[in-house]
Amino acid sequence: MLKLNNIEVVYSDVILVLRGISLEVGKGQIVSLLGANGAGKSTTLKAISGLLLSQDGAVTRGSIEFDGVRIDKLPADEIVRMGIVQVLEGRPLFEHLTVEENLMTGSVSRTDGNAAIRDTLDMVYTYFPRLKDFRNRTSGYLSGGEQQMVVIGRALMAKPRLMLLDEPSLGLAPLLVQQIFEIIRRVNEEAGVSLLVVEQNANIALKTAEHAYVMENGRIVLDGSAEDLSKNADIREFYLGLSSVGERKSYRDVKHYKRRKRWLG
């Protein structure tokens, strides 16, 4: 469904951020993109969704294809109409609007009529019953977890075929993280939406995804099935905080982090 072919991204004509990124998301798949802050994960999503143009960034080499159609030169609104929707990091909302008004803004690109849009809204309320209870509440007064539900629901209102999720667990309590990722699985299984999920919580990301990629310094340094990566010694130590014997380790105890990342050798 989605294919990135050796892309490079440059900001302001001088700052090289992505260096030859290649990845794929198949139809019906959940794919996770792992990496530390500054690795280039969010830039990768913005390259796919067309949001680089608003930040003086551009794909300067390689190509991005969606269902065989090249999209890296298309504007963001056209990419949305093709079925790709990004949920931005930080849960940005129209804080002065109600929950339902926020959700309805996600449907502005649709042309299939009010009845179909209302059906999608009912589906969103099925996934997030709390939002139905709060549908007339001003969004700015919601908790962080409730706001995350709204931004995911708003993306679903666009009726996406591929959803790009940027750090859905950021700042949330562990129980809420579990609930959000359970809904992500349901959206994938029940609505048939493919997902590319950027996440620093490698543990839950690998439990949810089928395939995963690891980014370091603007490059893909490792990829494979989520099950295989969860057993990889380096992933276990540097992303899951586990030693080879299964003991949980503090990152302060890992003295030679960069030198011991064997995938960079």
C-alpha atoms as a PDB file:
ATOM      1  CA  MET A   1       0.000   0.000   0.000  1.00  0.00           C
ATOM      2  CA  LEU A   2       2.722   2.476   1.022  1.00  0.00           C
ATOM      3  CA  LYS A   3       6.303   2.416  -0.194  1.00  0.00           C
ATOM      4  CA  LEU A   4       9.137   4.813   0.606  1.00  0.00           C
ATOM      5  CA  ASN A   5      12.001   4.370  -1.846  1.00  0.00           C
ATOM      6  CA  ASN A   6      15.357   5.670  -0.570  1.00  0.00           C
ATOM      7  CA  ILE A   7      14.031   9.126   0.298  1.00  0.00           C
ATOM      8  CA  GLU A   8      16.043  12.073   1.558  1.00  0.00           C
ATOM      9  CA  VAL A   9      14.459  15.068   3.287  1.00  0.00           C
ATOM     10  CA  VAL A  10      16.024  18.499   3.562  1.00  0.00           C
ATOM     11  CA  TYR A  11      14.768  21.487   5.579  1.00  0.00           C
ATOM     12  CA  SER A  12      15.446  25.055   4.447  1.00  0.00           C
ATOM     13  CA  ASP A  13      17.539  23.745   1.541  1.00  0.00           C
ATOM     14  CA  VAL A  14      20.473  22.952   3.851  1.00  0.00           C
ATOM     15  CA  ILE A  15      19.521  20.655   6.761  1.00  0.00           C
ATOM     16  CA  LEU A  16      19.595  16.981   5.767  1.00  0.00           C
ATOM     17  CA  VAL A  17      17.303  15.078   8.138  1.00  0.00           C
ATOM     18  CA  LEU A  18      16.439  11.791   6.404  1.00  0.00           C
ATOM     19  CA  ARG A  19      19.206   9.874   4.665  1.00  0.00           C
ATOM     20  CA  GLY A  20      17.931   7.207   2.311  1.00  0.00           C
ATOM     21  CA  ILE A  21      14.828   5.936   4.125  1.00  0.00           C
ATOM     22  CA  SER A  22      13.057   2.918   2.640  1.00  0.00           C
ATOM     23  CA  LEU A  23      10.061   1.219   4.244  1.00  0.00           C
ATOM     24  CA  GLU A  24       6.766  -0.392   3.334  1.00  0.00           C
ATOM     25  CA  VAL A  25       3.294  -0.755   4.848  1.00  0.00           C
ATOM     26  CA  GLY A  26       1.125  -3.510   3.411  1.00  0.00           C
ATOM     27  CA  LYS A  27      -2.639  -3.426   3.171  1.00  0.00           C
ATOM     28  CA  GLY A  28      -4.180  -4.219   6.540  1.00  0.00           C
ATOM     29  CA  GLN A  29      -0.845  -4.077   8.379  1.00  0.00           C
ATOM     30  CA  ILE A  30       0.204  -2.312  11.554  1.00  0.00           C
ATOM     31  CA  VAL A  31       3.828  -1.212  11.159  1.00  0.00           C
ATOM     32  CA  SER A  32       5.810   0.481  13.917  1.00  0.00           C
ATOM     33  CA  LEU A  33       8.649   2.972  13.519  1.00  0.00           C
ATOM     34  CA  LEU A  34      10.925   3.019  16.570  1.00  0.00           C
ATOM     35  CA  GLY A  35      13.751   5.313  17.555  1.00  0.00           C
ATOM     36  CA  ALA A  36      14.955   7.918  20.015  1.00  0.00           C
ATOM     37  CA  ASN A  37      14.096  11.618  19.931  1.00  0.00           C
ATOM     38  CA  GLY A  38      15.612  13.299  16.903  1.00  0.00           C
ATOM     39  CA  ALA A  39      15.938  10.102  14.881  1.00  0.00           C
ATOM     40  CA  GLY A  40      13.687  11.466  12.118  1.00  0.00           C
ATOM     41  CA  LYS A  41      10.487   9.547  12.836  1.00  0.00           C
ATOM     42  CA  SER A  42       8.097  12.513  12.784  1.00  0.00           C
ATOM     43  CA  THR A  43       9.783  13.903   9.676  1.00  0.00           C
ATOM     44  CA  THR A  44       9.159  10.559   7.970  1.00  0.00           C
ATOM     45  CA  LEU A  45       5.432  10.796   8.709  1.00  0.00           C
ATOM     46  CA  LYS A  46       5.277  14.409   7.531  1.00  0.00           C
ATOM     47  CA  ALA A  47       7.018  13.440   4.298  1.00  0.00           C
ATOM     48  CA  ILE A  48       4.263  10.879   3.687  1.00  0.00           C
ATOM     49  CA  SER A  49       1.358  13.169   4.607  1.00  0.00           C
ATOM     50  CA  GLY A  50       2.613  16.216   2.718  1.00  0.00           C
ATOM     51  CA  LEU A  51       3.086  18.390   5.810  1.00  0.00           C
ATOM     52  CA  LEU A  52       6.760  19.063   5.077  1.00  0.00           C
ATOM     53  CA  LEU A  53       5.783  21.832   2.697  1.00  0.00           C
ATOM     54  CA  SER A  54       4.378  23.907   5.563  1.00  0.00           C
ATOM     55  CA  GLN A  55       7.707  23.632   7.431  1.00  0.00           C
ATOM     56  CA  ASP A  56      10.059  24.537   4.576  1.00  0.00           C
ATOM     57  CA  GLY A  57      10.967  20.893   4.076  1.00  0.00           C
ATOM     58  CA  ALA A  58      11.029  18.769   0.946  1.00  0.00           C
ATOM     59  CA  VAL A  59      11.728  15.261  -0.288  1.00  0.00           C
ATOM     60  CA  THR A  60      14.832  15.920  -2.392  1.00  0.00           C
ATOM     61  CA  ARG A  61      15.651  12.364  -3.450  1.00  0.00           C
ATOM     62  CA  GLY A  62      13.764   9.090  -3.825  1.00  0.00           C
ATOM     63  CA  SER A  63      10.007   8.685  -4.007  1.00  0.00           C
ATOM     64  CA  ILE A  64       6.908   7.910  -1.931  1.00  0.00           C
ATOM     65  CA  GLU A  65       4.178   5.786  -3.495  1.00  0.00           C
ATOM     66  CA  PHE A  66       0.660   5.007  -2.310  1.00  0.00           C
ATOM     67  CA  ASP A  67      -1.092   2.228  -4.206  1.00  0.00           C
ATOM     68  CA  GLY A  68       1.475   2.685  -6.971  1.00  0.00           C
ATOM     69  CA  VAL A  69       0.854   6.436  -7.310  1.00  0.00           C
ATOM     70  CA  ARG A  70       3.693   8.810  -6.494  1.00  0.00           C
ATOM     71  CA  ILE A  71       2.611  11.264  -3.770  1.00  0.00           C
ATOM     72  CA  ASP A  72       5.769  13.025  -2.526  1.00  0.00           C
ATOM     73  CA  LYS A  73       5.069  16.079  -4.707  1.00  0.00           C
ATOM     74  CA  LEU A  74       1.354  16.311  -3.880  1.00  0.00           C
ATOM     75  CA  PRO A  75      -0.201  18.838  -1.455  1.00  0.00           C
ATOM     76  CA  ALA A  76      -1.442  17.586   1.906  1.00  0.00           C
ATOM     77  CA  ASP A  77      -5.140  18.052   1.134  1.00  0.00           C
ATOM     78  CA  GLU A  78      -4.906  15.847  -1.940  1.00  0.00           C
ATOM     79  CA  ILE A  79      -3.067  13.182   0.035  1.00  0.00           C
ATOM     80  CA  VAL A  80      -5.874  13.207   2.633  1.00  0.00           C
ATOM     81  CA  ARG A  81      -8.450  12.707  -0.099  1.00  0.00           C
ATOM     82  CA  MET A  82      -6.456   9.679  -1.283  1.00  0.00           C
ATOM     83  CA  GLY A  83      -6.971   8.136   2.162  1.00  0.00           C
ATOM     84  CA  ILE A  84      -3.830   8.995   4.178  1.00  0.00           C
ATOM     85  CA  VAL A  85      -4.457  10.812   7.472  1.00  0.00           C
ATOM     86  CA  GLN A  86      -1.867  11.801  10.068  1.00  0.00           C
ATOM     87  CA  VAL A  87      -2.502  12.135  13.807  1.00  0.00           C
ATOM     88  CA  LEU A  88       0.063  14.688  14.943  1.00  0.00           C
ATOM     89  CA  GLU A  89       2.194  14.398  18.062  1.00  0.00           C
ATOM     90  CA  GLY A  90       0.978  16.412  21.038  1.00  0.00           C
ATOM     91  CA  ARG A  91      -2.781  15.973  20.513  1.00  0.00           C
ATOM     92  CA  PRO A  92      -3.488  19.331  18.774  1.00  0.00           C
ATOM     93  CA  LEU A  93      -7.173  20.237  19.042  1.00  0.00           C
ATOM     94  CA  PHE A  94      -9.461  23.156  18.348  1.00  0.00           C
ATOM     95  CA  GLU A  95      -9.692  23.727  22.074  1.00  0.00           C
ATOM     96  CA  HIS A  96     -12.615  26.160  21.932  1.00  0.00           C
ATOM     97  CA  LEU A  97     -14.789  23.661  20.029  1.00  0.00           C
ATOM     98  CA  THR A  98     -16.778  20.827  21.573  1.00  0.00           C
ATOM     99  CA  VAL A  99     -15.727  17.213  21.248  1.00  0.00           C
ATOM    100  CA  GLU A 100     -18.265  16.533  18.517  1.00  0.00           C
ATOM    101  CA  GLU A 101     -17.366  19.706  16.633  1.00  0.00           C
ATOM    102  CA  ASN A 102     -13.718  18.633  16.695  1.00  0.00           C
ATOM    103  CA  LEU A 103     -14.644  15.202  15.405  1.00  0.00           C
ATOM    104  CA  MET A 104     -16.741  16.646  12.600  1.00  0.00           C
ATOM    105  CA  THR A 105     -13.830  18.755  11.346  1.00  0.00           C
ATOM    106  CA  GLY A 106     -12.208  15.486  10.314  1.00  0.00           C
ATOM    107  CA  SER A 107     -14.927  14.904   7.746  1.00  0.00           C
ATOM    108  CA  VAL A 108     -14.501  18.120   5.739  1.00  0.00           C
ATOM    109  CA  SER A 109     -12.736  16.340   2.867  1.00  0.00           C
ATOM    110  CA  ARG A 110     -15.518  13.788   2.399  1.00  0.00           C
ATOM    111  CA  THR A 111     -18.087  13.895  -0.374  1.00  0.00           C
ATOM    112  CA  ASP A 112     -20.164  10.809   0.456  1.00  0.00           C
ATOM    113  CA  GLY A 113     -23.009  12.630   2.199  1.00  0.00           C
ATOM    114  CA  ASN A 114     -24.249  13.436   5.691  1.00  0.00           C
ATOM    115  CA  ALA A 115     -25.702   9.977   6.352  1.00  0.00           C
ATOM    116  CA  ALA A 116     -22.346   8.281   5.739  1.00  0.00           C
ATOM    117  CA  ILE A 117     -20.581  10.842   7.906  1.00  0.00           C
ATOM    118  CA  ARG A 118     -23.083  10.259  10.716  1.00  0.00           C
ATOM    119  CA  ASP A 119     -22.455   6.503  10.434  1.00  0.00           C
ATOM    120  CA  THR A 120     -18.725   7.132  10.855  1.00  0.00           C
ATOM    121  CA  LEU A 121     -19.398   9.346  13.878  1.00  0.00           C
ATOM    122  CA  ASP A 122     -21.423   6.530  15.432  1.00  0.00           C
ATOM    123  CA  MET A 123     -18.495   4.172  14.759  1.00  0.00           C
ATOM    124  CA  VAL A 124     -16.104   6.582  16.505  1.00  0.00           C
ATOM    125  CA  TYR A 125     -18.415   6.695  19.518  1.00  0.00           C
ATOM    126  CA  THR A 126     -18.428   2.897  19.527  1.00  0.00           C
ATOM    127  CA  TYR A 127     -14.630   2.874  19.816  1.00  0.00           C
ATOM    128  CA  PHE A 128     -14.602   5.755  22.312  1.00  0.00           C
ATOM    129  CA  PRO A 129     -17.793   5.642  24.439  1.00  0.00           C
ATOM    130  CA  ARG A 130     -16.408   8.333  26.735  1.00  0.00           C
ATOM    131  CA  LEU A 131     -16.390  10.803  23.842  1.00  0.00           C
ATOM    132  CA  LYS A 132     -20.098  10.257  23.317  1.00  0.00           C
ATOM    133  CA  ASP A 133     -20.697  11.134  26.947  1.00  0.00           C
ATOM    134  CA  PHE A 134     -18.539  14.257  26.536  1.00  0.00           C
ATOM    135  CA  ARG A 135     -19.650  15.190  23.017  1.00  0.00           C
ATOM    136  CA  ASN A 136     -20.892  18.647  24.106  1.00  0.00           C
ATOM    137  CA  ARG A 137     -17.930  19.371  26.382  1.00  0.00           C
ATOM    138  CA  THR A 138     -15.346  21.973  25.337  1.00  0.00           C
ATOM    139  CA  SER A 139     -12.290  20.060  24.144  1.00  0.00           C
ATOM    140  CA  GLY A 140      -9.786  22.245  25.962  1.00  0.00           C
ATOM    141  CA  TYR A 141     -11.048  20.921  29.304  1.00  0.00           C
ATOM    142  CA  LEU A 142     -10.452  17.252  28.513  1.00  0.00           C
ATOM    143  CA  SER A 143      -7.705  15.132  30.042  1.00  0.00           C
ATOM    144  CA  GLY A 144      -4.694  14.115  27.975  1.00  0.00           C
ATOM    145  CA  GLY A 145      -6.087  10.649  27.360  1.00  0.00           C
ATOM    146  CA  GLU A 146      -9.463  12.017  26.309  1.00  0.00           C
ATOM    147  CA  GLN A 147      -7.779  14.466  23.942  1.00  0.00           C
ATOM    148  CA  GLN A 148      -5.839  11.589  22.381  1.00  0.00           C
ATOM    149  CA  MET A 149      -9.132   9.798  21.802  1.00  0.00           C
ATOM    150  CA  VAL A 150     -10.499  12.913  20.090  1.00  0.00           C
ATOM    151  CA  VAL A 151      -7.577  13.304  17.673  1.00  0.00           C
ATOM    152  CA  ILE A 152      -7.696   9.620  16.718  1.00  0.00           C
ATOM    153  CA  GLY A 153     -11.466   9.830  16.336  1.00  0.00           C
ATOM    154  CA  ARG A 154     -11.123  12.966  14.229  1.00  0.00           C
ATOM    155  CA  ALA A 155      -8.721  11.125  11.926  1.00  0.00           C
ATOM    156  CA  LEU A 156     -11.203   8.256  11.619  1.00  0.00           C
ATOM    157  CA  MET A 157     -13.866  10.741  10.549  1.00  0.00           C
ATOM    158  CA  ALA A 158     -11.861  11.275   7.351  1.00  0.00           C
ATOM    159  CA  LYS A 159     -12.428   7.587   6.564  1.00  0.00           C
ATOM    160  CA  PRO A 160      -8.719   6.818   6.119  1.00  0.00           C
ATOM    161  CA  ARG A 161      -7.234   3.803   4.409  1.00  0.00           C
ATOM    162  CA  LEU A 162      -3.862   4.489   6.040  1.00  0.00           C
ATOM    163  CA  MET A 163      -3.452   6.266   9.369  1.00  0.00           C
ATOM    164  CA  LEU A 164      -0.138   7.750  10.532  1.00  0.00           C
ATOM    165  CA  LEU A 165       0.054   7.939  14.324  1.00  0.00           C
ATOM    166  CA  ASP A 166       2.800  10.045  15.909  1.00  0.00           C
ATOM    167  CA  GLU A 167       3.566   9.117  19.536  1.00  0.00           C
ATOM    168  CA  PRO A 168       0.034   8.154  20.636  1.00  0.00           C
ATOM    169  CA  SER A 169       1.278   7.169  24.113  1.00  0.00           C
ATOM    170  CA  LEU A 170       3.115  10.430  24.815  1.00  0.00           C
ATOM    171  CA  GLY A 171       2.383  11.729  28.313  1.00  0.00           C
ATOM    172  CA  LEU A 172      -0.305   9.156  29.097  1.00  0.00           C
ATOM    173  CA  ALA A 173      -0.608   6.881  32.122  1.00  0.00           C
ATOM    174  CA  PRO A 174       0.175   3.182  31.449  1.00  0.00           C
ATOM    175  CA  LEU A 175      -3.470   2.110  31.751  1.00  0.00           C
ATOM    176  CA  LEU A 176      -4.542   4.712  29.184  1.00  0.00           C
ATOM    177  CA  VAL A 177      -1.723   3.651  26.866  1.00  0.00           C
ATOM    178  CA  GLN A 178      -3.037   0.092  26.982  1.00  0.00           C
ATOM    179  CA  GLN A 179      -6.555   1.311  26.176  1.00  0.00           C
ATOM    180  CA  ILE A 180      -5.376   3.470  23.248  1.00  0.00           C
ATOM    181  CA  PHE A 181      -3.385   0.639  21.687  1.00  0.00           C
ATOM    182  CA  GLU A 182      -6.261  -1.788  22.150  1.00  0.00           C
ATOM    183  CA  ILE A 183      -8.438   0.607  20.169  1.00  0.00           C
ATOM    184  CA  ILE A 184      -5.688   0.875  17.532  1.00  0.00           C
ATOM    185  CA  ARG A 185      -5.837  -2.904  17.134  1.00  0.00           C
ATOM    186  CA  ARG A 186      -9.625  -2.806  16.847  1.00  0.00           C
ATOM    187  CA  VAL A 187      -9.532  -0.066  14.226  1.00  0.00           C
ATOM    188  CA  ASN A 188      -7.108  -2.178  12.218  1.00  0.00           C
ATOM    189  CA  GLU A 189      -9.090  -5.401  12.538  1.00  0.00           C
ATOM    190  CA  GLU A 190     -12.657  -4.087  12.349  1.00  0.00           C
ATOM    191  CA  ALA A 191     -12.352  -1.054  10.061  1.00  0.00           C
ATOM    192  CA  GLY A 192      -9.545  -2.449   7.903  1.00  0.00           C
ATOM    193  CA  VAL A 193      -7.366   0.639   8.400  1.00  0.00           C
ATOM    194  CA  SER A 194      -3.625   0.163   7.876  1.00  0.00           C
ATOM    195  CA  LEU A 195      -1.426   1.974  10.393  1.00  0.00           C
ATOM    196  CA  LEU A 196       2.115   3.314  10.570  1.00  0.00           C
ATOM    197  CA  VAL A 197       2.797   4.084  14.232  1.00  0.00           C
ATOM    198  CA  VAL A 198       5.711   6.178  15.472  1.00  0.00           C
ATOM    199  CA  GLU A 199       6.324   5.247  19.088  1.00  0.00           C
ATOM    200  CA  GLN A 200       9.059   5.454  21.721  1.00  0.00           C
ATOM    201  CA  ASN A 201       7.318   2.890  23.918  1.00  0.00           C
ATOM    202  CA  ALA A 202       8.918  -0.015  22.091  1.00  0.00           C
ATOM    203  CA  ASN A 203       7.367  -2.632  24.352  1.00  0.00           C
ATOM    204  CA  ILE A 204       3.746  -1.910  23.463  1.00  0.00           C
ATOM    205  CA  ALA A 205       4.610  -0.967  19.878  1.00  0.00           C
ATOM    206  CA  LEU A 206       6.179  -4.362  19.217  1.00  0.00           C
ATOM    207  CA  LYS A 207       3.248  -6.132  20.860  1.00  0.00           C
ATOM    208  CA  THR A 208       0.814  -4.302  18.577  1.00  0.00           C
ATOM    209  CA  ALA A 209       2.635  -4.217  15.227  1.00  0.00           C
ATOM    210  CA  GLU A 210       3.310  -6.973  12.731  1.00  0.00           C
ATOM    211  CA  HIS A 211       6.482  -5.413  11.352  1.00  0.00           C
ATOM    212  CA  ALA A 212       8.815  -2.745  12.731  1.00  0.00           C
ATOM    213  CA  TYR A 213      11.644  -0.482  11.645  1.00  0.00           C
ATOM    214  CA  VAL A 214      14.304   1.092  13.869  1.00  0.00           C
ATOM    215  CA  MET A 215      15.629   4.570  13.021  1.00  0.00           C
ATOM    216  CA  GLU A 216      18.858   6.188  14.135  1.00  0.00           C
ATOM    217  CA  ASN A 217      20.107   9.581  12.925  1.00  0.00           C
ATOM    218  CA  GLY A 218      17.836   9.736   9.899  1.00  0.00           C
ATOM    219  CA  ARG A 219      18.479   6.177   8.713  1.00  0.00           C
ATOM    220  CA  ILE A 220      16.726   2.828   8.995  1.00  0.00           C
ATOM    221  CA  VAL A 221      19.228   0.645  10.812  1.00  0.00           C
ATOM    222  CA  LEU A 222      17.142  -2.465  11.468  1.00  0.00           C
ATOM    223  CA  ASP A 223      13.818  -3.955  10.439  1.00  0.00           C
ATOM    224  CA  GLY A 224      11.944  -7.215  10.694  1.00  0.00           C
ATOM    225  CA  SER A 225       8.860  -8.812  12.146  1.00  0.00           C
ATOM    226  CA  ALA A 226       7.839  -7.360  15.493  1.00  0.00           C
ATOM    227  CA  GLU A 227       8.211 -10.787  17.069  1.00  0.00           C
ATOM    228  CA  ASP A 228      11.777 -11.170  15.829  1.00  0.00           C
ATOM    229  CA  LEU A 229      12.787  -7.664  16.885  1.00  0.00           C
ATOM    230  CA  SER A 230      11.367  -8.185  20.356  1.00  0.00           C
ATOM    231  CA  LYS A 231      13.843 -11.074  20.721  1.00  0.00           C
ATOM    232  CA  ASN A 232      16.800  -9.126  19.319  1.00  0.00           C
ATOM    233  CA  ALA A 233      19.438  -8.629  22.028  1.00  0.00           C
ATOM    234  CA  ASP A 234      20.131  -5.007  21.113  1.00  0.00           C
ATOM    235  CA  ILE A 235      16.456  -4.075  20.946  1.00  0.00           C
ATOM    236  CA  ARG A 236      15.848  -5.772  24.283  1.00  0.00           C
ATOM    237  CA  GLU A 237      18.698  -3.893  25.928  1.00  0.00           C
ATOM    238  CA  PHE A 238      18.461  -0.447  24.373  1.00  0.00           C
ATOM    239  CA  TYR A 239      14.707  -0.125  23.774  1.00  0.00           C
ATOM    240  CA  LEU A 240      13.066  -2.542  26.208  1.00  0.00           C
ATOM    241  CA  GLY A 241      15.584  -2.093  29.025  1.00  0.00           C
ATOM    242  CA  LEU A 242      16.250  -5.838  29.344  1.00  0.00           C
ATOM    243  CA  SER A 243      19.543  -7.678  29.484  1.00  0.00           C
ATOM    244  CA  SER A 244      20.193 -10.955  27.684  1.00  0.00           C
ATOM    245  CA  VAL A 245      19.075 -12.871  30.776  1.00  0.00           C
ATOM    246  CA  GLY A 246      15.826 -10.947  31.054  1.00  0.00           C
ATOM    247  CA  GLU A 247      16.806  -8.566  33.845  1.00  0.00           C
ATOM    248  CA  ARG A 248      15.450  -5.052  33.576  1.00  0.00           C
ATOM    249  CA  LYS A 249      18.316  -2.589  33.322  1.00  0.00           C
ATOM    250  CA  SER A 250      18.645   1.109  33.914  1.00  0.00           C
ATOM    251  CA  TYR A 251      19.831   3.142  30.939  1.00  0.00           C
ATOM    252  CA  ARG A 252      22.393   4.663  33.313  1.00  0.00           C
ATOM    253  CA  ASP A 253      23.987   1.213  33.542  1.00  0.00           C
ATOM    254  CA  VAL A 254      24.498   0.984  29.783  1.00  0.00           C
ATOM    255  CA  LYS A 255      27.912   2.620  29.530  1.00  0.00           C
ATOM    256  CA  HIS A 256      28.668   2.284  25.839  1.00  0.00           C
ATOM    257  CA  TYR A 257      25.283   2.684  24.211  1.00  0.00           C
ATOM    258  CA  LYS A 258      26.369   3.886  20.778  1.00  0.00           C
ATOM    259  CA  ARG A 259      29.442   1.690  20.461  1.00  0.00           C
ATOM    260  CA  ARG A 260      27.484  -1.448  21.341  1.00  0.00           C
ATOM    261  CA  LYS A 261      24.677  -0.984  18.828  1.00  0.00           C
ATOM    262  CA  ARG A 262      25.873  -3.794  16.600  1.00  0.00           C
ATOM    263  CA  TRP A 263      23.439  -2.946  13.785  1.00  0.00           C
ATOM    264  CA  LEU A 264      25.485   0.235  13.139  1.00  0.00           C
ATOM    265  CA  GLY A 265      28.707  -1.753  12.873  1.00  0.00           C
END
